[in-house]
ModelCIF file with pLDDT and N, C-alpha, C, O atoms, coordinates in Angstrom:
data_MODEL
#
_entry.id   MODEL 
#
_entity.id                         1 
_entity.type                       polymer 
_entity.pdbx_number_of_molecules   1 
#
_entity_poly.entity_id                      1 
_entity_poly.type                           'polypeptide(L)' 
_entity_poly.nstd_linkage                   no 
_entity_poly.nstd_monomer                   no 
_entity_poly.pdbx_seq_one_letter_code       TITTTYSGCPAMDVIGDEIRQVLRQAGYANVMVKQQLAPAWTTD 
_entity_poly.pdbx_seq_one_letter_code_can   TITTTYSGCPAMDVIGDEIRQVLRQAGYANVMVKQQLAPAWTTD 
_entity_poly.pdbx_strand_id                 A 
#
loop_
_entity_poly_seq.entity_id 
_entity_poly_seq.num 
_entity_poly_seq.mon_id 
_entity_poly_seq.hetero 
1 1  THR n 
1 2  ILE n 
1 3  THR n 
1 4  THR n 
1 5  THR n 
1 6  TYR n 
1 7  SER n 
1 8  GLY n 
1 9  CYS n 
1 10 PRO n 
1 11 ALA n 
1 12 MET n 
1 13 ASP n 
1 14 VAL n 
1 15 ILE n 
1 16 GLY n 
1 17 ASP n 
1 18 GLU n 
1 19 ILE n 
1 20 ARG n 
1 21 GLN n 
1 22 VAL n 
1 23 LEU n 
1 24 ARG n 
1 25 GLN n 
1 26 ALA n 
1 27 GLY n 
1 28 TYR n 
1 29 ALA n 
1 30 ASN n 
1 31 VAL n 
1 32 MET n 
1 33 VAL n 
1 34 LYS n 
1 35 GLN n 
1 36 GLN n 
1 37 LEU n 
1 38 ALA n 
1 39 PRO n 
1 40 ALA n 
1 41 TRP n 
1 42 THR n 
1 43 THR n 
1 44 ASP n 
#
_struct_asym.id          A 
_struct_asym.entity_id   1 
#
loop_
_ma_qa_metric.id 
_ma_qa_metric.mode 
_ma_qa_metric.name 
_ma_qa_metric.software_group_id 
_ma_qa_metric.type 
1 global pLDDT . pLDDT 
2 local  pLDDT . pLDDT 
#
_ma_qa_metric_global.metric_id      1 
_ma_qa_metric_global.metric_value   91.84 
_ma_qa_metric_global.model_id       1 
_ma_qa_metric_global.ordinal_id     1 
#
loop_
_ma_qa_metric_local.label_asym_id 
_ma_qa_metric_local.label_comp_id 
_ma_qa_metric_local.label_seq_id 
_ma_qa_metric_local.metric_id 
_ma_qa_metric_local.metric_value 
_ma_qa_metric_local.model_id 
_ma_qa_metric_local.ordinal_id 
A THR 1  2 95.00 1 1  
A ILE 2  2 95.00 1 2  
A THR 3  2 93.00 1 3  
A THR 4  2 88.00 1 4  
A THR 5  2 86.00 1 5  
A TYR 6  2 80.00 1 6  
A SER 7  2 78.00 1 7  
A GLY 8  2 78.00 1 8  
A CYS 9  2 81.00 1 9  
A PRO 10 2 81.00 1 10 
A ALA 11 2 87.00 1 11 
A MET 12 2 90.00 1 12 
A ASP 13 2 91.00 1 13 
A VAL 14 2 94.00 1 14 
A ILE 15 2 95.00 1 15 
A GLY 16 2 96.00 1 16 
A ASP 17 2 96.00 1 17 
A GLU 18 2 97.00 1 18 
A ILE 19 2 98.00 1 19 
A ARG 20 2 97.00 1 20 
A GLN 21 2 97.00 1 21 
A VAL 22 2 97.00 1 22 
A LEU 23 2 97.00 1 23 
A ARG 24 2 96.00 1 24 
A GLN 25 2 96.00 1 25 
A ALA 26 2 96.00 1 26 
A GLY 27 2 95.00 1 27 
A TYR 28 2 95.00 1 28 
A ALA 29 2 94.00 1 29 
A ASN 30 2 96.00 1 30 
A VAL 31 2 97.00 1 31 
A MET 32 2 97.00 1 32 
A VAL 33 2 97.00 1 33 
A LYS 34 2 95.00 1 34 
A GLN 35 2 92.00 1 35 
A GLN 36 2 90.00 1 36 
A LEU 37 2 88.00 1 37 
A ALA 38 2 90.00 1 38 
A PRO 39 2 90.00 1 39 
A ALA 40 2 89.00 1 40 
A TRP 41 2 91.00 1 41 
A THR 42 2 90.00 1 42 
A THR 43 2 90.00 1 43 
A ASP 44 2 90.00 1 44 
#
loop_
_atom_site.group_PDB 
_atom_site.id 
_atom_site.type_symbol 
_atom_site.label_atom_id 
_atom_site.label_alt_id 
_atom_site.label_comp_id 
_atom_site.label_asym_id 
_atom_site.label_entity_id 
_atom_site.label_seq_id 
_atom_site.pdbx_PDB_ins_code 
_atom_site.Cartn_x 
_atom_site.Cartn_y 
_atom_site.Cartn_z 
_atom_site.occupancy 
_atom_site.B_iso_or_equiv 
_atom_site.pdbx_formal_charge 
_atom_site.auth_seq_id 
_atom_site.auth_comp_id 
_atom_site.auth_asym_id 
_atom_site.auth_atom_id 
_atom_site.pdbx_PDB_model_num 
ATOM 1   N N  . THR A 1 1  ? -28.154 37.955 48.585 1.00 95.00 ? 1  THR A N  1 
ATOM 2   C CA . THR A 1 1  ? -27.839 36.978 47.544 1.00 95.00 ? 1  THR A CA 1 
ATOM 3   C C  . THR A 1 1  ? -29.046 36.808 46.634 1.00 95.00 ? 1  THR A C  1 
ATOM 4   O O  . THR A 1 1  ? -30.156 36.524 47.085 1.00 95.00 ? 1  THR A O  1 
ATOM 5   N N  . ILE A 1 2  ? -28.799 36.990 45.340 1.00 95.00 ? 2  ILE A N  1 
ATOM 6   C CA . ILE A 1 2  ? -29.846 36.796 44.337 1.00 95.00 ? 2  ILE A CA 1 
ATOM 7   C C  . ILE A 1 2  ? -29.366 35.757 43.330 1.00 95.00 ? 2  ILE A C  1 
ATOM 8   O O  . ILE A 1 2  ? -28.167 35.594 43.106 1.00 95.00 ? 2  ILE A O  1 
ATOM 9   N N  . THR A 1 3  ? -30.316 35.064 42.734 1.00 93.00 ? 3  THR A N  1 
ATOM 10  C CA . THR A 1 3  ? -30.023 34.099 41.679 1.00 93.00 ? 3  THR A CA 1 
ATOM 11  C C  . THR A 1 3  ? -30.430 34.721 40.354 1.00 93.00 ? 3  THR A C  1 
ATOM 12  O O  . THR A 1 3  ? -31.526 35.268 40.228 1.00 93.00 ? 3  THR A O  1 
ATOM 13  N N  . THR A 1 4  ? -29.554 34.636 39.378 1.00 88.00 ? 4  THR A N  1 
ATOM 14  C CA . THR A 1 4  ? -29.886 35.182 38.063 1.00 88.00 ? 4  THR A CA 1 
ATOM 15  C C  . THR A 1 4  ? -30.938 34.301 37.395 1.00 88.00 ? 4  THR A C  1 
ATOM 16  O O  . THR A 1 4  ? -30.935 33.080 37.556 1.00 88.00 ? 4  THR A O  1 
ATOM 17  N N  . THR A 1 5  ? -31.824 34.927 36.655 1.00 86.00 ? 5  THR A N  1 
ATOM 18  C CA . THR A 1 5  ? -32.844 34.158 35.948 1.00 86.00 ? 5  THR A CA 1 
ATOM 19  C C  . THR A 1 5  ? -32.209 33.361 34.814 1.00 86.00 ? 5  THR A C  1 
ATOM 20  O O  . THR A 1 5  ? -32.623 32.236 34.535 1.00 86.00 ? 5  THR A O  1 
ATOM 21  N N  . TYR A 1 6  ? -31.219 33.932 34.171 1.00 80.00 ? 6  TYR A N  1 
ATOM 22  C CA . TYR A 1 6  ? -30.414 33.199 33.193 1.00 80.00 ? 6  TYR A CA 1 
ATOM 23  C C  . TYR A 1 6  ? -29.100 33.954 33.035 1.00 80.00 ? 6  TYR A C  1 
ATOM 24  O O  . TYR A 1 6  ? -29.050 35.166 33.245 1.00 80.00 ? 6  TYR A O  1 
ATOM 25  N N  . SER A 1 7  ? -28.045 33.249 32.669 1.00 78.00 ? 7  SER A N  1 
ATOM 26  C CA . SER A 1 7  ? -26.730 33.876 32.501 1.00 78.00 ? 7  SER A CA 1 
ATOM 27  C C  . SER A 1 7  ? -26.823 34.996 31.484 1.00 78.00 ? 7  SER A C  1 
ATOM 28  O O  . SER A 1 7  ? -27.379 34.833 30.399 1.00 78.00 ? 7  SER A O  1 
ATOM 29  N N  . GLY A 1 8  ? -26.274 36.121 31.855 1.00 78.00 ? 8  GLY A N  1 
ATOM 30  C CA . GLY A 1 8  ? -26.261 37.257 30.944 1.00 78.00 ? 8  GLY A CA 1 
ATOM 31  C C  . GLY A 1 8  ? -27.517 38.101 30.958 1.00 78.00 ? 8  GLY A C  1 
ATOM 32  O O  . GLY A 1 8  ? -27.660 38.992 30.120 1.00 78.00 ? 8  GLY A O  1 
ATOM 33  N N  . CYS A 1 9  ? -28.437 37.853 31.883 1.00 81.00 ? 9  CYS A N  1 
ATOM 34  C CA . CYS A 1 9  ? -29.663 38.653 31.944 1.00 81.00 ? 9  CYS A CA 1 
ATOM 35  C C  . CYS A 1 9  ? -29.287 40.114 32.213 1.00 81.00 ? 9  CYS A C  1 
ATOM 36  O O  . CYS A 1 9  ? -28.674 40.410 33.239 1.00 81.00 ? 9  CYS A O  1 
ATOM 37  N N  . PRO A 1 10 ? -29.642 41.023 31.311 1.00 81.00 ? 10 PRO A N  1 
ATOM 38  C CA . PRO A 1 10 ? -29.242 42.424 31.470 1.00 81.00 ? 10 PRO A CA 1 
ATOM 39  C C  . PRO A 1 10 ? -29.901 43.116 32.670 1.00 81.00 ? 10 PRO A C  1 
ATOM 40  O O  . PRO A 1 10 ? -29.427 44.163 33.112 1.00 81.00 ? 10 PRO A O  1 
ATOM 41  N N  . ALA A 1 11 ? -30.967 42.554 33.188 1.00 87.00 ? 11 ALA A N  1 
ATOM 42  C CA . ALA A 1 11 ? -31.669 43.197 34.309 1.00 87.00 ? 11 ALA A CA 1 
ATOM 43  C C  . ALA A 1 11 ? -30.949 43.000 35.643 1.00 87.00 ? 11 ALA A C  1 
ATOM 44  O O  . ALA A 1 11 ? -31.216 43.736 36.594 1.00 87.00 ? 11 ALA A O  1 
ATOM 45  N N  . MET A 1 12 ? -30.047 42.027 35.733 1.00 90.00 ? 12 MET A N  1 
ATOM 46  C CA . MET A 1 12 ? -29.436 41.713 37.029 1.00 90.00 ? 12 MET A CA 1 
ATOM 47  C C  . MET A 1 12 ? -28.608 42.860 37.589 1.00 90.00 ? 12 MET A C  1 
ATOM 48  O O  . MET A 1 12 ? -28.620 43.081 38.800 1.00 90.00 ? 12 MET A O  1 
ATOM 49  N N  . ASP A 1 13 ? -27.894 43.590 36.754 1.00 91.00 ? 13 ASP A N  1 
ATOM 50  C CA . ASP A 1 13 ? -27.126 44.737 37.245 1.00 91.00 ? 13 ASP A CA 1 
ATOM 51  C C  . ASP A 1 13 ? -28.052 45.829 37.764 1.00 91.00 ? 13 ASP A C  1 
ATOM 52  O O  . ASP A 1 13 ? -27.781 46.445 38.794 1.00 91.00 ? 13 ASP A O  1 
ATOM 53  N N  . VAL A 1 14 ? -29.140 46.064 37.048 1.00 94.00 ? 14 VAL A N  1 
ATOM 54  C CA . VAL A 1 14 ? -30.125 47.060 37.482 1.00 94.00 ? 14 VAL A CA 1 
ATOM 55  C C  . VAL A 1 14 ? -30.744 46.632 38.814 1.00 94.00 ? 14 VAL A C  1 
ATOM 56  O O  . VAL A 1 14 ? -30.913 47.456 39.713 1.00 94.00 ? 14 VAL A O  1 
ATOM 57  N N  . ILE A 1 15 ? -31.080 45.362 38.943 1.00 95.00 ? 15 ILE A N  1 
ATOM 58  C CA . ILE A 1 15 ? -31.658 44.842 40.182 1.00 95.00 ? 15 ILE A CA 1 
ATOM 59  C C  . ILE A 1 15 ? -30.675 45.027 41.333 1.00 95.00 ? 15 ILE A C  1 
ATOM 60  O O  . ILE A 1 15 ? -31.074 45.452 42.418 1.00 95.00 ? 15 ILE A O  1 
ATOM 61  N N  . GLY A 1 16 ? -29.403 44.718 41.118 1.00 96.00 ? 16 GLY A N  1 
ATOM 62  C CA . GLY A 1 16 ? -28.387 44.920 42.153 1.00 96.00 ? 16 GLY A CA 1 
ATOM 63  C C  . GLY A 1 16 ? -28.306 46.372 42.580 1.00 96.00 ? 16 GLY A C  1 
ATOM 64  O O  . GLY A 1 16 ? -28.229 46.664 43.773 1.00 96.00 ? 16 GLY A O  1 
ATOM 65  N N  . ASP A 1 17 ? -28.322 47.293 41.614 1.00 96.00 ? 17 ASP A N  1 
ATOM 66  C CA . ASP A 1 17 ? -28.292 48.726 41.928 1.00 96.00 ? 17 ASP A CA 1 
ATOM 67  C C  . ASP A 1 17 ? -29.518 49.139 42.739 1.00 96.00 ? 17 ASP A C  1 
ATOM 68  O O  . ASP A 1 17 ? -29.407 49.918 43.686 1.00 96.00 ? 17 ASP A O  1 
ATOM 69  N N  . GLU A 1 18 ? -30.694 48.614 42.364 1.00 97.00 ? 18 GLU A N  1 
ATOM 70  C CA . GLU A 1 18 ? -31.920 48.974 43.086 1.00 97.00 ? 18 GLU A CA 1 
ATOM 71  C C  . GLU A 1 18 ? -31.920 48.412 44.507 1.00 97.00 ? 18 GLU A C  1 
ATOM 72  O O  . GLU A 1 18 ? -32.421 49.063 45.424 1.00 97.00 ? 18 GLU A O  1 
ATOM 73  N N  . ILE A 1 19 ? -31.368 47.223 44.701 1.00 98.00 ? 19 ILE A N  1 
ATOM 74  C CA . ILE A 1 19 ? -31.240 46.649 46.047 1.00 98.00 ? 19 ILE A CA 1 
ATOM 75  C C  . ILE A 1 19 ? -30.381 47.569 46.908 1.00 98.00 ? 19 ILE A C  1 
ATOM 76  O O  . ILE A 1 19 ? -30.759 47.914 48.028 1.00 98.00 ? 19 ILE A O  1 
ATOM 77  N N  . ARG A 1 20 ? -29.217 47.966 46.375 1.00 97.00 ? 20 ARG A N  1 
ATOM 78  C CA . ARG A 1 20 ? -28.323 48.859 47.124 1.00 97.00 ? 20 ARG A CA 1 
ATOM 79  C C  . ARG A 1 20 ? -29.003 50.185 47.438 1.00 97.00 ? 20 ARG A C  1 
ATOM 80  O O  . ARG A 1 20 ? -28.868 50.706 48.545 1.00 97.00 ? 20 ARG A O  1 
ATOM 81  N N  . GLN A 1 21 ? -29.733 50.734 46.468 1.00 97.00 ? 21 GLN A N  1 
ATOM 82  C CA . GLN A 1 21 ? -30.405 52.018 46.666 1.00 97.00 ? 21 GLN A CA 1 
ATOM 83  C C  . GLN A 1 21 ? -31.472 51.925 47.756 1.00 97.00 ? 21 GLN A C  1 
ATOM 84  O O  . GLN A 1 21 ? -31.520 52.782 48.639 1.00 97.00 ? 21 GLN A O  1 
ATOM 85  N N  . VAL A 1 22 ? -32.321 50.911 47.712 1.00 97.00 ? 22 VAL A N  1 
ATOM 86  C CA . VAL A 1 22 ? -33.385 50.756 48.704 1.00 97.00 ? 22 VAL A CA 1 
ATOM 87  C C  . VAL A 1 22 ? -32.802 50.618 50.112 1.00 97.00 ? 22 VAL A C  1 
ATOM 88  O O  . VAL A 1 22 ? -33.284 51.242 51.057 1.00 97.00 ? 22 VAL A O  1 
ATOM 89  N N  . LEU A 1 23 ? -31.768 49.798 50.237 1.00 97.00 ? 23 LEU A N  1 
ATOM 90  C CA . LEU A 1 23 ? -31.182 49.574 51.565 1.00 97.00 ? 23 LEU A CA 1 
ATOM 91  C C  . LEU A 1 23 ? -30.410 50.794 52.058 1.00 97.00 ? 23 LEU A C  1 
ATOM 92  O O  . LEU A 1 23 ? -30.425 51.089 53.253 1.00 97.00 ? 23 LEU A O  1 
ATOM 93  N N  . ARG A 1 24 ? -29.745 51.498 51.168 1.00 96.00 ? 24 ARG A N  1 
ATOM 94  C CA . ARG A 1 24 ? -29.039 52.729 51.583 1.00 96.00 ? 24 ARG A CA 1 
ATOM 95  C C  . ARG A 1 24 ? -30.030 53.798 52.027 1.00 96.00 ? 24 ARG A C  1 
ATOM 96  O O  . ARG A 1 24 ? -29.781 54.510 52.999 1.00 96.00 ? 24 ARG A O  1 
ATOM 97  N N  . GLN A 1 25 ? -31.153 53.913 51.318 1.00 96.00 ? 25 GLN A N  1 
ATOM 98  C CA . GLN A 1 25 ? -32.182 54.880 51.718 1.00 96.00 ? 25 GLN A CA 1 
ATOM 99  C C  . GLN A 1 25 ? -32.764 54.545 53.089 1.00 96.00 ? 25 GLN A C  1 
ATOM 100 O O  . GLN A 1 25 ? -33.257 55.423 53.797 1.00 96.00 ? 25 GLN A O  1 
ATOM 101 N N  . ALA A 1 26 ? -32.700 53.270 53.454 1.00 96.00 ? 26 ALA A N  1 
ATOM 102 C CA . ALA A 1 26 ? -33.195 52.835 54.766 1.00 96.00 ? 26 ALA A CA 1 
ATOM 103 C C  . ALA A 1 26 ? -32.114 52.939 55.841 1.00 96.00 ? 26 ALA A C  1 
ATOM 104 O O  . ALA A 1 26 ? -32.344 52.566 56.991 1.00 96.00 ? 26 ALA A O  1 
ATOM 105 N N  . GLY A 1 27 ? -30.933 53.448 55.467 1.00 95.00 ? 27 GLY A N  1 
ATOM 106 C CA . GLY A 1 27 ? -29.884 53.678 56.460 1.00 95.00 ? 27 GLY A CA 1 
ATOM 107 C C  . GLY A 1 27 ? -28.783 52.641 56.507 1.00 95.00 ? 27 GLY A C  1 
ATOM 108 O O  . GLY A 1 27 ? -27.928 52.695 57.392 1.00 95.00 ? 27 GLY A O  1 
ATOM 109 N N  . TYR A 1 28 ? -28.780 51.700 55.579 1.00 95.00 ? 28 TYR A N  1 
ATOM 110 C CA . TYR A 1 28 ? -27.727 50.679 55.544 1.00 95.00 ? 28 TYR A CA 1 
ATOM 111 C C  . TYR A 1 28 ? -26.660 51.114 54.542 1.00 95.00 ? 28 TYR A C  1 
ATOM 112 O O  . TYR A 1 28 ? -26.875 51.061 53.331 1.00 95.00 ? 28 TYR A O  1 
ATOM 113 N N  . ALA A 1 29 ? -25.510 51.543 55.060 1.00 94.00 ? 29 ALA A N  1 
ATOM 114 C CA . ALA A 1 29 ? -24.460 52.101 54.203 1.00 94.00 ? 29 ALA A CA 1 
ATOM 115 C C  . ALA A 1 29 ? -23.605 51.031 53.535 1.00 94.00 ? 29 ALA A C  1 
ATOM 116 O O  . ALA A 1 29 ? -23.106 51.244 52.430 1.00 94.00 ? 29 ALA A O  1 
ATOM 117 N N  . ASN A 1 30 ? -23.430 49.903 54.177 1.00 96.00 ? 30 ASN A N  1 
ATOM 118 C CA . ASN A 1 30 ? -22.533 48.869 53.677 1.00 96.00 ? 30 ASN A CA 1 
ATOM 119 C C  . ASN A 1 30 ? -23.363 47.695 53.144 1.00 96.00 ? 30 ASN A C  1 
ATOM 120 O O  . ASN A 1 30 ? -23.750 46.799 53.894 1.00 96.00 ? 30 ASN A O  1 
ATOM 121 N N  . VAL A 1 31 ? -23.625 47.720 51.839 1.00 97.00 ? 31 VAL A N  1 
ATOM 122 C CA . VAL A 1 31 ? -24.484 46.708 51.210 1.00 97.00 ? 31 VAL A CA 1 
ATOM 123 C C  . VAL A 1 31 ? -23.704 46.012 50.098 1.00 97.00 ? 31 VAL A C  1 
ATOM 124 O O  . VAL A 1 31 ? -23.106 46.661 49.240 1.00 97.00 ? 31 VAL A O  1 
ATOM 125 N N  . MET A 1 32 ? -23.721 44.697 50.127 1.00 97.00 ? 32 MET A N  1 
ATOM 126 C CA . MET A 1 32 ? -23.085 43.903 49.075 1.00 97.00 ? 32 MET A CA 1 
ATOM 127 C C  . MET A 1 32 ? -24.151 43.000 48.450 1.00 97.00 ? 32 MET A C  1 
ATOM 128 O O  . MET A 1 32 ? -24.936 42.376 49.164 1.00 97.00 ? 32 MET A O  1 
ATOM 129 N N  . VAL A 1 33 ? -24.176 42.933 47.130 1.00 97.00 ? 33 VAL A N  1 
ATOM 130 C CA . VAL A 1 33 ? -25.106 42.065 46.412 1.00 97.00 ? 33 VAL A CA 1 
ATOM 131 C C  . VAL A 1 33 ? -24.290 40.978 45.720 1.00 97.00 ? 33 VAL A C  1 
ATOM 132 O O  . VAL A 1 33 ? -23.399 41.264 44.920 1.00 97.00 ? 33 VAL A O  1 
ATOM 133 N N  . LYS A 1 34 ? -24.608 39.734 46.039 1.00 95.00 ? 34 LYS A N  1 
ATOM 134 C CA . LYS A 1 34 ? -23.936 38.585 45.425 1.00 95.00 ? 34 LYS A CA 1 
ATOM 135 C C  . LYS A 1 34 ? -24.896 37.920 44.442 1.00 95.00 ? 34 LYS A C  1 
ATOM 136 O O  . LYS A 1 34 ? -26.077 37.733 44.737 1.00 95.00 ? 34 LYS A O  1 
ATOM 137 N N  . GLN A 1 35 ? -24.371 37.566 43.272 1.00 92.00 ? 35 GLN A N  1 
ATOM 138 C CA . GLN A 1 35 ? -25.160 36.809 42.303 1.00 92.00 ? 35 GLN A CA 1 
ATOM 139 C C  . GLN A 1 35 ? -24.745 35.345 42.381 1.00 92.00 ? 35 GLN A C  1 
ATOM 140 O O  . GLN A 1 35 ? -23.564 35.013 42.288 1.00 92.00 ? 35 GLN A O  1 
ATOM 141 N N  . GLN A 1 36 ? -25.718 34.496 42.550 1.00 90.00 ? 36 GLN A N  1 
ATOM 142 C CA . GLN A 1 36 ? -25.500 33.064 42.714 1.00 90.00 ? 36 GLN A CA 1 
ATOM 143 C C  . GLN A 1 36 ? -26.010 32.348 41.465 1.00 90.00 ? 36 GLN A C  1 
ATOM 144 O O  . GLN A 1 36 ? -27.128 32.595 41.013 1.00 90.00 ? 36 GLN A O  1 
ATOM 145 N N  . LEU A 1 37 ? -25.195 31.471 40.919 1.00 88.00 ? 37 LEU A N  1 
ATOM 146 C CA . LEU A 1 37 ? -25.593 30.751 39.706 1.00 88.00 ? 37 LEU A CA 1 
ATOM 147 C C  . LEU A 1 37 ? -26.171 29.374 39.994 1.00 88.00 ? 37 LEU A C  1 
ATOM 148 O O  . LEU A 1 37 ? -26.906 28.826 39.172 1.00 88.00 ? 37 LEU A O  1 
ATOM 149 N N  . ALA A 1 38 ? -25.846 28.807 41.154 1.00 90.00 ? 38 ALA A N  1 
ATOM 150 C CA . ALA A 1 38 ? -26.339 27.467 41.486 1.00 90.00 ? 38 ALA A CA 1 
ATOM 151 C C  . ALA A 1 38 ? -26.921 27.479 42.892 1.00 90.00 ? 38 ALA A C  1 
ATOM 152 O O  . ALA A 1 38 ? -26.322 28.057 43.798 1.00 90.00 ? 38 ALA A O  1 
ATOM 153 N N  . PRO A 1 39 ? -28.061 26.861 43.087 1.00 90.00 ? 39 PRO A N  1 
ATOM 154 C CA . PRO A 1 39 ? -28.810 26.154 42.057 1.00 90.00 ? 39 PRO A CA 1 
ATOM 155 C C  . PRO A 1 39 ? -29.396 27.138 41.042 1.00 90.00 ? 39 PRO A C  1 
ATOM 156 O O  . PRO A 1 39 ? -29.710 28.284 41.364 1.00 90.00 ? 39 PRO A O  1 
ATOM 157 N N  . ALA A 1 40 ? -29.528 26.661 39.837 1.00 89.00 ? 40 ALA A N  1 
ATOM 158 C CA . ALA A 1 40 ? -30.049 27.500 38.763 1.00 89.00 ? 40 ALA A CA 1 
ATOM 159 C C  . ALA A 1 40 ? -31.502 27.869 39.035 1.00 89.00 ? 40 ALA A C  1 
ATOM 160 O O  . ALA A 1 40 ? -32.293 27.053 39.507 1.00 89.00 ? 40 ALA A O  1 
ATOM 161 N N  . TRP A 1 41 ? -31.833 29.130 38.723 1.00 91.00 ? 41 TRP A N  1 
ATOM 162 C CA . TRP A 1 41 ? -33.202 29.605 38.892 1.00 91.00 ? 41 TRP A CA 1 
ATOM 163 C C  . TRP A 1 41 ? -34.119 28.830 37.962 1.00 91.00 ? 41 TRP A C  1 
ATOM 164 O O  . TRP A 1 41 ? -33.714 28.422 36.874 1.00 91.00 ? 41 TRP A O  1 
ATOM 165 N N  . THR A 1 42 ? -35.338 28.632 38.390 1.00 90.00 ? 42 THR A N  1 
ATOM 166 C CA . THR A 1 42 ? -36.361 27.980 37.586 1.00 90.00 ? 42 THR A CA 1 
ATOM 167 C C  . THR A 1 42 ? -37.670 28.730 37.761 1.00 90.00 ? 42 THR A C  1 
ATOM 168 O O  . THR A 1 42 ? -37.901 29.359 38.794 1.00 90.00 ? 42 THR A O  1 
ATOM 169 N N  . THR A 1 43 ? -38.517 28.662 36.761 1.00 90.00 ? 43 THR A N  1 
ATOM 170 C CA . THR A 1 43 ? -39.822 29.317 36.867 1.00 90.00 ? 43 THR A CA 1 
ATOM 171 C C  . THR A 1 43 ? -40.676 28.688 37.964 1.00 90.00 ? 43 THR A C  1 
ATOM 172 O O  . THR A 1 43 ? -41.694 29.257 38.357 1.00 90.00 ? 43 THR A O  1 
ATOM 173 N N  . ASP A 1 44 ? -40.270 27.518 38.462 1.00 90.00 ? 44 ASP A N  1 
ATOM 174 C CA . ASP A 1 44 ? -40.960 26.912 39.602 1.00 90.00 ? 44 ASP A CA 1 
ATOM 175 C C  . ASP A 1 44 ? -40.921 27.833 40.816 1.00 90.00 ? 44 ASP A C  1 
ATOM 176 O O  . ASP A 1 44 ? -41.453 27.487 41.871 1.00 90.00 ? 44 ASP A O  1 
#
């Protein structure tokens, strides 16, 4: 589960793909990436 930095951030799809790639290379075939909007991400 990842939180988007802001709605519509174009990097989130790339990040999801990279998460799946890293975990598949480590032998995890069944990987799901969920994007969570709340609580909203903050620079904190």
